[in-house]
């Protein structure tokens, strides 16, 4: 990775982090929607710096759509369906997963990776993720799958209770 790509990656990562903190900490939903769009812009920049421009464009479109839904007038708050103990267990699990991902990121060979494709090369991103960070990639995929399945199960339980 040359200097320009590294600068783009780290600046985009900073924008993504600022947007994520804004989503978590800002008080009004309009501001949270703008922070979500900022997160999408940062994620698109990270993908673009990794020569995966198409994946970046798709991610930005998804984040922008979600930001419009969050900031829109039809947005409803999701009521908590889990007790506080389970939320704390989930938070501890997320912290442990973050520690594992950070460890694998620092121990991986990401800095020395090279890309042979152009700005719209999702194949290079896939090769990078599966060649150097297989465990981290699988952990993120599993976490996403569990989050979706848990959300669907909680929704179904809540709908049955009505």
N, C-alpha and C. Protein backbone atom coordinates (compact mmCIF):
# COMPACT_ATOMS: atom_id res chain seq x y z
N UNK A 1 0.86 -1.16 0.00
CA UNK A 1 0.00 0.00 0.00
C UNK A 1 0.91 1.23 0.00
N UNK A 2 0.75 2.09 -0.97
CA UNK A 2 1.59 3.28 -1.00
C UNK A 2 1.05 4.35 -0.05
N UNK A 3 1.77 5.46 0.06
CA UNK A 3 1.43 6.49 1.05
C UNK A 3 0.06 7.10 0.81
N UNK A 4 -0.28 7.37 -0.45
CA UNK A 4 -1.57 8.00 -0.74
C UNK A 4 -2.73 7.09 -0.35
N UNK A 5 -2.61 5.80 -0.65
CA UNK A 5 -3.67 4.87 -0.26
C UNK A 5 -3.77 4.75 1.25
N UNK A 6 -2.63 4.72 1.93
CA UNK A 6 -2.64 4.62 3.39
C UNK A 6 -3.29 5.85 4.02
N UNK A 7 -2.98 7.04 3.48
CA UNK A 7 -3.60 8.27 4.00
C UNK A 7 -5.10 8.23 3.78
N UNK A 8 -5.52 7.84 2.59
CA UNK A 8 -6.95 7.74 2.30
C UNK A 8 -7.64 6.74 3.21
N UNK A 9 -6.98 5.61 3.47
CA UNK A 9 -7.57 4.60 4.34
C UNK A 9 -7.74 5.13 5.75
N UNK A 10 -6.71 5.75 6.29
CA UNK A 10 -6.78 6.21 7.68
C UNK A 10 -7.71 7.41 7.84
N UNK A 11 -7.76 8.30 6.88
CA UNK A 11 -8.70 9.43 6.95
C UNK A 11 -10.14 8.91 6.87
N UNK A 12 -10.38 7.98 5.96
CA UNK A 12 -11.73 7.40 5.84
C UNK A 12 -12.11 6.63 7.10
N UNK A 13 -11.14 5.94 7.70
CA UNK A 13 -11.42 5.24 8.95
C UNK A 13 -11.77 6.22 10.06
N UNK A 14 -11.11 7.36 10.09
CA UNK A 14 -11.44 8.39 11.08
C UNK A 14 -12.83 8.95 10.87
N UNK A 15 -13.19 9.21 9.62
CA UNK A 15 -14.54 9.70 9.31
C UNK A 15 -15.58 8.66 9.72
N UNK A 16 -15.29 7.40 9.45
CA UNK A 16 -16.19 6.32 9.84
C UNK A 16 -16.34 6.25 11.35
N UNK A 17 -15.25 6.39 12.08
CA UNK A 17 -15.30 6.35 13.54
C UNK A 17 -16.08 7.54 14.10
N UNK A 18 -15.86 8.72 13.57
CA UNK A 18 -16.60 9.91 14.04
C UNK A 18 -18.09 9.75 13.78
N UNK A 19 -18.44 9.25 12.59
CA UNK A 19 -19.85 9.02 12.29
C UNK A 19 -20.48 7.99 13.20
N UNK A 20 -19.74 6.90 13.49
CA UNK A 20 -20.27 5.86 14.38
C UNK A 20 -20.47 6.38 15.79
N UNK A 21 -19.53 7.18 16.27
CA UNK A 21 -19.71 7.78 17.60
C UNK A 21 -20.89 8.74 17.61
N UNK A 22 -21.08 9.46 16.51
CA UNK A 22 -22.23 10.35 16.41
C UNK A 22 -23.55 9.60 16.45
N UNK A 23 -23.61 8.46 15.77
CA UNK A 23 -24.84 7.65 15.79
C UNK A 23 -25.12 7.17 17.21
N UNK A 24 -24.08 6.80 17.92
CA UNK A 24 -24.27 6.26 19.27
C UNK A 24 -24.55 7.35 20.31
N UNK A 25 -24.02 8.55 20.13
CA UNK A 25 -24.05 9.53 21.21
C UNK A 25 -24.91 10.76 20.97
N UNK A 26 -25.28 11.06 19.73
CA UNK A 26 -26.04 12.29 19.48
C UNK A 26 -27.47 12.17 19.98
N UNK A 27 -28.08 13.28 20.44
CA UNK A 27 -29.38 13.20 21.10
C UNK A 27 -30.58 13.12 20.17
N UNK A 28 -30.58 13.83 19.05
CA UNK A 28 -31.78 13.88 18.19
C UNK A 28 -31.61 12.95 17.00
N UNK A 29 -32.74 12.46 16.51
CA UNK A 29 -32.66 11.48 15.42
C UNK A 29 -32.21 12.11 14.11
N UNK A 30 -32.46 13.39 13.88
CA UNK A 30 -31.96 14.04 12.67
C UNK A 30 -30.44 14.09 12.66
N UNK A 31 -29.85 14.37 13.80
CA UNK A 31 -28.39 14.37 13.91
C UNK A 31 -27.84 12.96 13.79
N UNK A 32 -28.55 11.99 14.35
CA UNK A 32 -28.10 10.60 14.22
C UNK A 32 -28.18 10.14 12.77
N UNK A 33 -29.19 10.59 12.03
CA UNK A 33 -29.27 10.25 10.61
C UNK A 33 -28.12 10.84 9.82
N UNK A 34 -27.75 12.09 10.12
CA UNK A 34 -26.60 12.71 9.45
C UNK A 34 -25.31 11.98 9.81
N UNK A 35 -25.18 11.56 11.07
CA UNK A 35 -24.00 10.82 11.48
C UNK A 35 -23.94 9.46 10.80
N UNK A 36 -25.10 8.84 10.58
CA UNK A 36 -25.14 7.57 9.87
C UNK A 36 -24.70 7.75 8.42
N UNK A 37 -25.13 8.83 7.79
CA UNK A 37 -24.68 9.11 6.43
C UNK A 37 -23.17 9.36 6.40
N UNK A 38 -22.65 10.04 7.41
CA UNK A 38 -21.21 10.28 7.52
C UNK A 38 -20.46 8.96 7.68
N UNK A 39 -21.03 8.03 8.44
CA UNK A 39 -20.43 6.71 8.58
C UNK A 39 -20.39 5.99 7.24
N UNK A 40 -21.46 6.10 6.48
CA UNK A 40 -21.48 5.49 5.15
C UNK A 40 -20.44 6.08 4.24
N UNK A 41 -20.24 7.39 4.33
CA UNK A 41 -19.22 8.03 3.52
C UNK A 41 -17.82 7.54 3.91
N UNK A 42 -17.58 7.40 5.22
CA UNK A 42 -16.30 6.88 5.67
C UNK A 42 -16.07 5.44 5.24
N UNK A 43 -17.12 4.61 5.33
CA UNK A 43 -17.00 3.22 4.91
C UNK A 43 -16.75 3.13 3.41
N UNK A 44 -17.44 3.96 2.64
CA UNK A 44 -17.20 3.97 1.19
C UNK A 44 -15.76 4.37 0.89
N UNK A 45 -15.21 5.32 1.64
CA UNK A 45 -13.81 5.71 1.45
C UNK A 45 -12.85 4.59 1.80
N UNK A 46 -13.16 3.83 2.85
CA UNK A 46 -12.31 2.69 3.21
C UNK A 46 -12.33 1.66 2.09
N UNK A 47 -13.51 1.34 1.59
CA UNK A 47 -13.60 0.38 0.48
C UNK A 47 -12.87 0.90 -0.75
N UNK A 48 -13.02 2.17 -1.06
CA UNK A 48 -12.37 2.73 -2.24
C UNK A 48 -10.85 2.67 -2.09
N UNK A 49 -10.34 2.96 -0.90
CA UNK A 49 -8.89 2.90 -0.71
C UNK A 49 -8.37 1.47 -0.77
N UNK A 50 -9.24 0.49 -0.58
CA UNK A 50 -8.87 -0.91 -0.71
C UNK A 50 -9.16 -1.46 -2.11
N UNK A 51 -9.37 -0.57 -3.08
CA UNK A 51 -9.63 -0.92 -4.48
C UNK A 51 -10.92 -1.70 -4.64
N UNK A 52 -11.92 -1.37 -3.85
CA UNK A 52 -13.23 -2.00 -3.97
C UNK A 52 -14.28 -0.89 -4.09
N UNK A 53 -14.19 -0.13 -5.18
CA UNK A 53 -15.06 1.02 -5.36
C UNK A 53 -16.53 0.66 -5.48
N UNK A 54 -16.83 -0.46 -6.13
CA UNK A 54 -18.23 -0.85 -6.28
C UNK A 54 -18.83 -1.21 -4.93
N UNK A 55 -18.08 -1.95 -4.11
CA UNK A 55 -18.56 -2.27 -2.76
C UNK A 55 -18.75 -1.00 -1.95
N UNK A 56 -17.88 -0.01 -2.14
CA UNK A 56 -18.01 1.27 -1.46
C UNK A 56 -19.27 2.01 -1.88
N UNK A 57 -19.56 1.98 -3.18
CA UNK A 57 -20.76 2.66 -3.68
C UNK A 57 -22.02 1.99 -3.13
N UNK A 58 -22.02 0.66 -3.08
CA UNK A 58 -23.17 -0.06 -2.53
C UNK A 58 -23.33 0.24 -1.04
N UNK A 59 -22.23 0.24 -0.31
CA UNK A 59 -22.29 0.53 1.13
C UNK A 59 -22.80 1.95 1.37
N UNK A 60 -22.31 2.91 0.58
CA UNK A 60 -22.77 4.28 0.77
C UNK A 60 -24.26 4.42 0.46
N UNK A 61 -24.73 3.76 -0.59
CA UNK A 61 -26.15 3.82 -0.93
C UNK A 61 -27.00 3.22 0.20
N UNK A 62 -26.54 2.10 0.77
CA UNK A 62 -27.29 1.47 1.88
C UNK A 62 -27.30 2.37 3.11
N UNK A 63 -26.15 2.93 3.45
CA UNK A 63 -26.09 3.80 4.63
C UNK A 63 -26.91 5.07 4.42
N UNK A 64 -26.86 5.62 3.22
CA UNK A 64 -27.64 6.83 2.95
C UNK A 64 -29.14 6.54 3.05
N UNK A 65 -29.58 5.40 2.54
CA UNK A 65 -30.98 5.03 2.67
C UNK A 65 -31.40 4.83 4.12
N UNK A 66 -30.55 4.19 4.90
CA UNK A 66 -30.85 4.02 6.33
C UNK A 66 -30.86 5.36 7.06
N UNK A 67 -29.95 6.26 6.67
CA UNK A 67 -29.92 7.58 7.30
C UNK A 67 -31.21 8.34 7.01
N UNK A 68 -31.72 8.21 5.78
CA UNK A 68 -32.99 8.87 5.45
C UNK A 68 -34.14 8.28 6.26
N UNK A 69 -34.12 6.97 6.47
CA UNK A 69 -35.18 6.36 7.26
C UNK A 69 -35.10 6.78 8.72
N UNK A 70 -33.89 6.84 9.27
CA UNK A 70 -33.74 7.23 10.68
C UNK A 70 -34.15 8.67 10.89
N UNK A 71 -33.77 9.55 9.97
CA UNK A 71 -34.05 10.98 10.13
C UNK A 71 -35.47 11.35 9.69
N UNK A 72 -36.17 10.45 9.02
CA UNK A 72 -37.49 10.75 8.49
C UNK A 72 -38.57 10.80 9.55
N UNK A 73 -39.72 11.34 9.19
CA UNK A 73 -40.82 11.49 10.16
C UNK A 73 -41.52 10.17 10.50
N UNK A 74 -41.36 9.14 9.68
CA UNK A 74 -42.04 7.87 9.93
C UNK A 74 -41.25 6.94 10.84
N UNK A 75 -40.11 7.40 11.31
CA UNK A 75 -39.23 6.57 12.16
C UNK A 75 -39.88 6.32 13.51
N UNK A 76 -39.85 5.06 13.94
CA UNK A 76 -40.34 4.70 15.27
C UNK A 76 -39.21 4.06 16.05
N UNK A 77 -39.16 4.35 17.32
CA UNK A 77 -38.15 3.76 18.17
C UNK A 77 -38.44 2.28 18.35
N UNK A 78 -37.39 1.47 18.37
CA UNK A 78 -37.54 0.05 18.62
C UNK A 78 -37.56 -0.15 20.13
N UNK A 79 -38.59 -0.81 20.60
CA UNK A 79 -38.69 -1.05 22.03
C UNK A 79 -37.79 -2.21 22.41
N UNK A 80 -37.24 -2.12 23.59
CA UNK A 80 -36.34 -3.17 24.06
C UNK A 80 -37.14 -4.44 24.32
N UNK A 81 -36.72 -5.54 23.75
CA UNK A 81 -37.38 -6.81 23.97
C UNK A 81 -36.56 -7.72 24.87
N UNK A 82 -35.34 -7.30 25.17
CA UNK A 82 -34.49 -8.10 26.04
C UNK A 82 -34.31 -7.39 27.37
N UNK A 83 -34.13 -8.16 28.41
CA UNK A 83 -33.91 -7.59 29.73
C UNK A 83 -32.53 -6.98 29.84
N UNK A 84 -32.32 -6.21 30.90
CA UNK A 84 -31.05 -5.50 31.05
C UNK A 84 -29.88 -6.45 31.24
N UNK A 85 -30.10 -7.61 31.84
CA UNK A 85 -29.01 -8.57 32.01
C UNK A 85 -28.52 -9.07 30.65
N UNK A 86 -29.45 -9.38 29.76
CA UNK A 86 -29.06 -9.87 28.43
C UNK A 86 -28.39 -8.77 27.62
N UNK A 87 -28.81 -7.54 27.81
CA UNK A 87 -28.13 -6.44 27.11
C UNK A 87 -26.70 -6.30 27.60
N UNK A 88 -26.48 -6.46 28.89
CA UNK A 88 -25.12 -6.38 29.43
C UNK A 88 -24.26 -7.54 28.92
N UNK A 89 -24.84 -8.73 28.85
CA UNK A 89 -24.11 -9.88 28.32
C UNK A 89 -23.75 -9.64 26.85
N UNK A 90 -24.69 -9.08 26.10
CA UNK A 90 -24.41 -8.76 24.70
C UNK A 90 -23.32 -7.71 24.56
N UNK A 91 -23.32 -6.73 25.44
CA UNK A 91 -22.29 -5.69 25.40
C UNK A 91 -20.92 -6.27 25.72
N UNK A 92 -20.85 -7.16 26.70
CA UNK A 92 -19.58 -7.80 27.02
C UNK A 92 -19.10 -8.67 25.88
N UNK A 93 -20.04 -9.40 25.24
CA UNK A 93 -19.68 -10.21 24.07
C UNK A 93 -19.17 -9.35 22.92
N UNK A 94 -19.79 -8.21 22.70
CA UNK A 94 -19.33 -7.32 21.64
C UNK A 94 -17.96 -6.76 21.95
N UNK A 95 -17.70 -6.46 23.22
CA UNK A 95 -16.37 -5.96 23.61
C UNK A 95 -15.31 -7.03 23.41
N UNK A 96 -15.64 -8.27 23.75
CA UNK A 96 -14.68 -9.36 23.53
C UNK A 96 -14.42 -9.59 22.05
N UNK A 97 -15.47 -9.51 21.23
CA UNK A 97 -15.30 -9.66 19.80
C UNK A 97 -14.44 -8.53 19.23
N UNK A 98 -14.65 -7.31 19.72
CA UNK A 98 -13.83 -6.19 19.29
C UNK A 98 -12.37 -6.42 19.65
N UNK A 99 -12.11 -6.95 20.83
CA UNK A 99 -10.73 -7.22 21.24
C UNK A 99 -10.09 -8.28 20.33
N UNK A 100 -10.85 -9.32 19.99
CA UNK A 100 -10.33 -10.36 19.09
C UNK A 100 -10.06 -9.78 17.71
N UNK A 101 -10.97 -8.97 17.20
CA UNK A 101 -10.77 -8.37 15.88
C UNK A 101 -9.60 -7.41 15.87
N UNK A 102 -9.44 -6.62 16.94
CA UNK A 102 -8.30 -5.71 17.02
C UNK A 102 -6.99 -6.49 17.08
N UNK A 103 -6.96 -7.57 17.84
CA UNK A 103 -5.76 -8.40 17.92
C UNK A 103 -5.41 -8.97 16.55
N UNK A 104 -6.42 -9.50 15.84
CA UNK A 104 -6.14 -10.08 14.52
C UNK A 104 -5.75 -9.01 13.50
N UNK A 105 -6.27 -7.80 13.65
CA UNK A 105 -5.90 -6.73 12.73
C UNK A 105 -4.45 -6.31 12.93
N UNK A 106 -4.02 -6.23 14.19
CA UNK A 106 -2.64 -5.82 14.46
C UNK A 106 -1.64 -6.94 14.16
N UNK A 107 -2.07 -8.18 14.25
CA UNK A 107 -1.17 -9.30 13.97
C UNK A 107 -1.18 -9.71 12.51
N UNK A 108 -2.12 -9.18 11.71
CA UNK A 108 -2.21 -9.54 10.30
C UNK A 108 -1.18 -8.81 9.44
N UNK A 109 -1.15 -9.16 8.18
CA UNK A 109 -0.22 -8.54 7.23
C UNK A 109 -0.91 -7.52 6.36
N UNK A 110 -1.85 -6.76 6.93
CA UNK A 110 -2.63 -5.82 6.13
C UNK A 110 -1.77 -4.74 5.51
N UNK A 111 -0.77 -4.25 6.24
CA UNK A 111 0.02 -3.11 5.77
C UNK A 111 0.84 -3.49 4.54
N UNK A 112 1.25 -4.75 4.44
CA UNK A 112 2.09 -5.14 3.32
C UNK A 112 1.30 -5.72 2.14
N UNK A 113 0.00 -5.65 2.18
CA UNK A 113 -0.82 -6.19 1.10
C UNK A 113 -0.72 -5.31 -0.14
N UNK A 114 -0.77 -5.92 -1.31
CA UNK A 114 -0.74 -5.18 -2.57
C UNK A 114 -2.01 -5.49 -3.36
N UNK A 115 -2.42 -4.53 -4.16
CA UNK A 115 -3.62 -4.68 -4.97
C UNK A 115 -3.24 -4.59 -6.44
N UNK A 116 -3.73 -5.52 -7.23
CA UNK A 116 -3.42 -5.55 -8.65
C UNK A 116 -4.52 -4.94 -9.51
N UNK A 117 -5.65 -4.63 -8.93
CA UNK A 117 -6.78 -4.16 -9.70
C UNK A 117 -6.95 -2.66 -9.65
N UNK A 118 -7.99 -2.20 -10.31
CA UNK A 118 -8.32 -0.78 -10.34
C UNK A 118 -9.22 -0.40 -9.19
N UNK A 119 -9.87 0.75 -9.29
CA UNK A 119 -10.69 1.23 -8.17
C UNK A 119 -11.97 0.43 -7.95
N UNK A 120 -12.40 -0.37 -8.92
CA UNK A 120 -13.64 -1.15 -8.78
C UNK A 120 -13.32 -2.63 -8.72
N UNK A 121 -12.34 -3.01 -7.91
CA UNK A 121 -11.91 -4.40 -7.86
C UNK A 121 -12.28 -5.03 -6.53
N UNK A 122 -13.48 -5.60 -6.47
CA UNK A 122 -13.92 -6.26 -5.25
C UNK A 122 -13.19 -7.58 -5.05
N UNK A 123 -12.64 -8.15 -6.11
CA UNK A 123 -11.90 -9.40 -6.00
C UNK A 123 -10.66 -9.21 -5.13
N UNK A 124 -9.98 -8.07 -5.30
CA UNK A 124 -8.78 -7.80 -4.50
C UNK A 124 -9.14 -7.69 -3.02
N UNK A 125 -10.26 -7.07 -2.71
CA UNK A 125 -10.69 -6.97 -1.31
C UNK A 125 -11.01 -8.35 -0.75
N UNK A 126 -11.68 -9.17 -1.53
CA UNK A 126 -11.97 -10.53 -1.09
C UNK A 126 -10.71 -11.34 -0.86
N UNK A 127 -9.75 -11.22 -1.77
CA UNK A 127 -8.48 -11.93 -1.59
C UNK A 127 -7.77 -11.45 -0.33
N UNK A 128 -7.78 -10.16 -0.10
CA UNK A 128 -7.13 -9.63 1.09
C UNK A 128 -7.80 -10.16 2.36
N UNK A 129 -9.13 -10.11 2.41
CA UNK A 129 -9.84 -10.55 3.61
C UNK A 129 -9.66 -12.04 3.86
N UNK A 130 -9.70 -12.84 2.81
CA UNK A 130 -9.61 -14.28 3.00
C UNK A 130 -8.19 -14.79 3.06
N UNK A 131 -7.22 -14.02 2.57
CA UNK A 131 -5.82 -14.46 2.65
C UNK A 131 -5.18 -14.08 3.98
N UNK A 132 -5.52 -12.93 4.51
CA UNK A 132 -4.82 -12.43 5.69
C UNK A 132 -5.68 -12.42 6.95
N UNK A 133 -6.94 -12.17 6.82
CA UNK A 133 -7.80 -11.99 7.99
C UNK A 133 -9.02 -12.91 7.94
N UNK A 134 -8.78 -14.19 7.74
CA UNK A 134 -9.89 -15.13 7.60
C UNK A 134 -10.69 -15.22 8.89
N UNK A 135 -10.02 -15.30 10.01
CA UNK A 135 -10.73 -15.45 11.28
C UNK A 135 -11.57 -14.20 11.57
N UNK A 136 -10.99 -13.03 11.33
CA UNK A 136 -11.73 -11.80 11.59
C UNK A 136 -12.93 -11.69 10.65
N UNK A 137 -12.75 -12.04 9.38
CA UNK A 137 -13.84 -11.98 8.42
C UNK A 137 -14.97 -12.94 8.82
N UNK A 138 -14.61 -14.15 9.22
CA UNK A 138 -15.62 -15.12 9.63
C UNK A 138 -16.31 -14.67 10.92
N UNK A 139 -15.58 -14.06 11.84
CA UNK A 139 -16.20 -13.59 13.08
C UNK A 139 -17.21 -12.48 12.81
N UNK A 140 -16.87 -11.56 11.91
CA UNK A 140 -17.80 -10.49 11.56
C UNK A 140 -19.03 -11.06 10.85
N UNK A 141 -18.82 -12.02 9.96
CA UNK A 141 -19.95 -12.64 9.26
C UNK A 141 -20.87 -13.37 10.25
N UNK A 142 -20.28 -14.09 11.20
CA UNK A 142 -21.07 -14.80 12.20
C UNK A 142 -21.83 -13.82 13.09
N UNK A 143 -21.17 -12.74 13.49
CA UNK A 143 -21.84 -11.73 14.31
C UNK A 143 -23.02 -11.12 13.56
N UNK A 144 -22.85 -10.81 12.28
CA UNK A 144 -23.95 -10.27 11.49
C UNK A 144 -25.10 -11.25 11.37
N UNK A 145 -24.78 -12.52 11.14
CA UNK A 145 -25.82 -13.54 11.04
C UNK A 145 -26.58 -13.69 12.35
N UNK A 146 -25.85 -13.71 13.47
CA UNK A 146 -26.52 -13.83 14.77
C UNK A 146 -27.37 -12.61 15.09
N UNK A 147 -26.90 -11.42 14.71
CA UNK A 147 -27.68 -10.21 14.96
C UNK A 147 -28.99 -10.23 14.16
N UNK A 148 -28.91 -10.63 12.91
CA UNK A 148 -30.11 -10.68 12.08
C UNK A 148 -31.08 -11.75 12.60
N UNK A 149 -30.56 -12.92 12.93
CA UNK A 149 -31.43 -13.99 13.43
C UNK A 149 -32.03 -13.61 14.78
N UNK A 150 -31.24 -13.00 15.66
CA UNK A 150 -31.76 -12.58 16.96
C UNK A 150 -32.82 -11.50 16.83
N UNK A 151 -32.59 -10.56 15.93
CA UNK A 151 -33.59 -9.51 15.70
C UNK A 151 -34.89 -10.07 15.16
N UNK A 152 -34.78 -11.01 14.22
CA UNK A 152 -35.99 -11.63 13.67
C UNK A 152 -36.73 -12.44 14.72
N UNK A 153 -35.98 -13.16 15.55
CA UNK A 153 -36.63 -13.97 16.60
C UNK A 153 -37.30 -13.07 17.63
N UNK A 154 -36.63 -11.98 18.02
CA UNK A 154 -37.23 -11.06 18.99
C UNK A 154 -38.49 -10.41 18.42
N UNK A 155 -38.47 -10.07 17.15
CA UNK A 155 -39.64 -9.47 16.52
C UNK A 155 -40.80 -10.46 16.49
N UNK A 156 -40.50 -11.73 16.15
CA UNK A 156 -41.57 -12.73 16.09
C UNK A 156 -42.17 -12.99 17.47
N UNK A 157 -41.33 -13.02 18.49
CA UNK A 157 -41.84 -13.22 19.85
C UNK A 157 -42.72 -12.04 20.27
N UNK A 158 -42.32 -10.86 19.92
CA UNK A 158 -43.09 -9.68 20.28
C UNK A 158 -44.43 -9.65 19.53
N UNK A 159 -44.40 -10.05 18.26
CA UNK A 159 -45.65 -10.06 17.48
C UNK A 159 -46.61 -11.14 17.99
N UNK A 160 -46.10 -12.25 18.45
CA UNK A 160 -46.97 -13.31 19.00
C UNK A 160 -47.62 -12.86 20.29
N UNK A 161 -46.90 -12.05 21.05
CA UNK A 161 -47.42 -11.59 22.33
C UNK A 161 -48.58 -10.61 22.17
N UNK A 162 -48.67 -9.97 21.02
CA UNK A 162 -49.76 -9.00 20.79
C UNK A 162 -51.06 -9.64 20.62
